[in-house]
N, C-alpha and C. Protein backbone atom coordinates (compact mmCIF):
# COMPACT_ATOMS: atom_id res chain seq x y z
N MET A 1 -1.73 -61.31 -38.86
CA MET A 1 -1.78 -61.41 -40.31
C MET A 1 -2.69 -60.33 -40.90
N MET A 2 -3.83 -60.09 -40.28
CA MET A 2 -4.76 -59.09 -40.80
C MET A 2 -4.17 -57.68 -40.72
N LYS A 3 -3.40 -57.40 -39.66
CA LYS A 3 -2.78 -56.09 -39.53
C LYS A 3 -1.78 -55.86 -40.65
N LYS A 4 -1.02 -56.90 -40.98
CA LYS A 4 -0.03 -56.78 -42.05
C LYS A 4 -0.73 -56.56 -43.39
N LEU A 5 -1.82 -57.27 -43.63
CA LEU A 5 -2.59 -57.11 -44.86
C LEU A 5 -3.18 -55.71 -44.94
N LYS A 6 -3.74 -55.26 -43.84
CA LYS A 6 -4.33 -53.92 -43.79
C LYS A 6 -3.27 -52.85 -44.06
N LYS A 7 -2.09 -53.04 -43.47
CA LYS A 7 -1.01 -52.08 -43.66
C LYS A 7 -0.55 -52.08 -45.12
N SER A 8 -0.48 -53.24 -45.74
CA SER A 8 -0.08 -53.34 -47.15
C SER A 8 -1.08 -52.66 -48.06
N VAL A 9 -2.35 -52.89 -47.81
CA VAL A 9 -3.40 -52.27 -48.62
C VAL A 9 -3.39 -50.75 -48.42
N GLN A 10 -3.21 -50.31 -47.19
CA GLN A 10 -3.16 -48.88 -46.89
C GLN A 10 -2.00 -48.22 -47.63
N LYS A 11 -0.84 -48.85 -47.63
CA LYS A 11 0.33 -48.31 -48.32
C LYS A 11 0.08 -48.26 -49.82
N PHE A 12 -0.53 -49.31 -50.36
CA PHE A 12 -0.85 -49.34 -51.79
C PHE A 12 -1.78 -48.18 -52.16
N LEU A 13 -2.81 -47.95 -51.35
CA LEU A 13 -3.75 -46.88 -51.64
C LEU A 13 -3.10 -45.51 -51.53
N GLU A 14 -2.21 -45.33 -50.56
CA GLU A 14 -1.51 -44.06 -50.43
C GLU A 14 -0.59 -43.82 -51.62
N ASP A 15 0.11 -44.85 -52.06
CA ASP A 15 0.98 -44.72 -53.24
C ASP A 15 0.15 -44.43 -54.49
N LEU A 16 -0.98 -45.08 -54.61
CA LEU A 16 -1.87 -44.85 -55.75
C LEU A 16 -2.39 -43.41 -55.74
N ALA A 17 -2.76 -42.92 -54.58
CA ALA A 17 -3.25 -41.54 -54.45
C ALA A 17 -2.17 -40.54 -54.83
N LYS A 18 -0.95 -40.78 -54.40
CA LYS A 18 0.16 -39.89 -54.75
C LYS A 18 0.39 -39.88 -56.25
N GLU A 19 0.37 -41.05 -56.86
CA GLU A 19 0.58 -41.16 -58.30
C GLU A 19 -0.54 -40.45 -59.07
N ASN A 20 -1.78 -40.63 -58.64
CA ASN A 20 -2.90 -39.97 -59.28
C ASN A 20 -2.81 -38.46 -59.13
N GLN A 21 -2.37 -38.00 -57.96
CA GLN A 21 -2.23 -36.57 -57.73
C GLN A 21 -1.16 -35.99 -58.65
N GLN A 22 -0.06 -36.70 -58.86
CA GLN A 22 0.98 -36.23 -59.76
C GLN A 22 0.48 -36.21 -61.20
N THR A 23 -0.32 -37.19 -61.57
CA THR A 23 -0.81 -37.29 -62.94
C THR A 23 -1.92 -36.30 -63.23
N PHE A 24 -2.92 -36.21 -62.33
CA PHE A 24 -4.12 -35.44 -62.61
C PHE A 24 -4.20 -34.13 -61.84
N GLY A 25 -3.34 -33.90 -60.88
CA GLY A 25 -3.41 -32.69 -60.08
C GLY A 25 -4.40 -32.85 -58.94
N THR A 26 -4.68 -31.73 -58.26
CA THR A 26 -5.54 -31.80 -57.09
C THR A 26 -6.95 -31.29 -57.36
N GLN A 27 -7.20 -30.79 -58.56
CA GLN A 27 -8.52 -30.25 -58.87
C GLN A 27 -9.45 -31.36 -59.32
N LYS A 28 -10.75 -31.05 -59.30
CA LYS A 28 -11.72 -32.01 -59.82
C LYS A 28 -11.48 -32.21 -61.31
N MET A 29 -11.76 -33.39 -61.77
CA MET A 29 -11.60 -33.66 -63.20
C MET A 29 -12.75 -33.02 -63.96
N ASP A 30 -12.53 -32.70 -65.22
CA ASP A 30 -13.53 -32.04 -66.04
C ASP A 30 -14.80 -32.88 -66.20
N CYS A 31 -14.67 -34.18 -66.19
CA CYS A 31 -15.83 -35.03 -66.41
C CYS A 31 -16.86 -34.85 -65.29
N CYS A 32 -16.42 -34.50 -64.10
CA CYS A 32 -17.35 -34.29 -62.99
C CYS A 32 -18.29 -33.12 -63.31
N ASN A 33 -17.74 -32.04 -63.83
CA ASN A 33 -18.55 -30.89 -64.20
C ASN A 33 -19.42 -31.19 -65.41
N LEU A 34 -18.91 -31.94 -66.36
CA LEU A 34 -19.69 -32.28 -67.55
C LEU A 34 -20.91 -33.12 -67.18
N ASN A 35 -20.73 -34.07 -66.27
CA ASN A 35 -21.85 -34.91 -65.85
C ASN A 35 -22.93 -34.08 -65.16
N LYS A 36 -22.54 -33.10 -64.37
CA LYS A 36 -23.53 -32.25 -63.70
C LYS A 36 -24.33 -31.47 -64.73
N ILE A 37 -23.66 -30.96 -65.75
CA ILE A 37 -24.35 -30.17 -66.77
C ILE A 37 -25.32 -31.05 -67.55
N THR A 38 -24.89 -32.23 -67.97
CA THR A 38 -25.76 -33.10 -68.75
C THR A 38 -26.90 -33.64 -67.91
N ASN A 39 -26.66 -33.91 -66.62
CA ASN A 39 -27.72 -34.40 -65.76
C ASN A 39 -28.76 -33.31 -65.50
N GLN A 40 -28.36 -32.07 -65.40
CA GLN A 40 -29.31 -30.97 -65.19
C GLN A 40 -30.16 -30.76 -66.43
N ASN A 41 -29.59 -30.97 -67.61
CA ASN A 41 -30.34 -30.78 -68.84
C ASN A 41 -31.40 -31.87 -69.04
N LYS A 42 -31.21 -33.03 -68.46
CA LYS A 42 -32.16 -34.13 -68.61
C LYS A 42 -33.43 -33.94 -67.78
N LYS A 43 -33.37 -33.12 -66.75
CA LYS A 43 -34.53 -32.96 -65.87
C LYS A 43 -35.65 -32.20 -66.50
């Protein structure tokens, strides 16, 4: 039972990753760079 559950979750995550890659591409999102800039300014 656990193997079947693990396989189902793994398939779901792979499908989700594919969908996200189609939607957002393979590059880092802009918010990642914005957070680094704002965090550096706070120091």
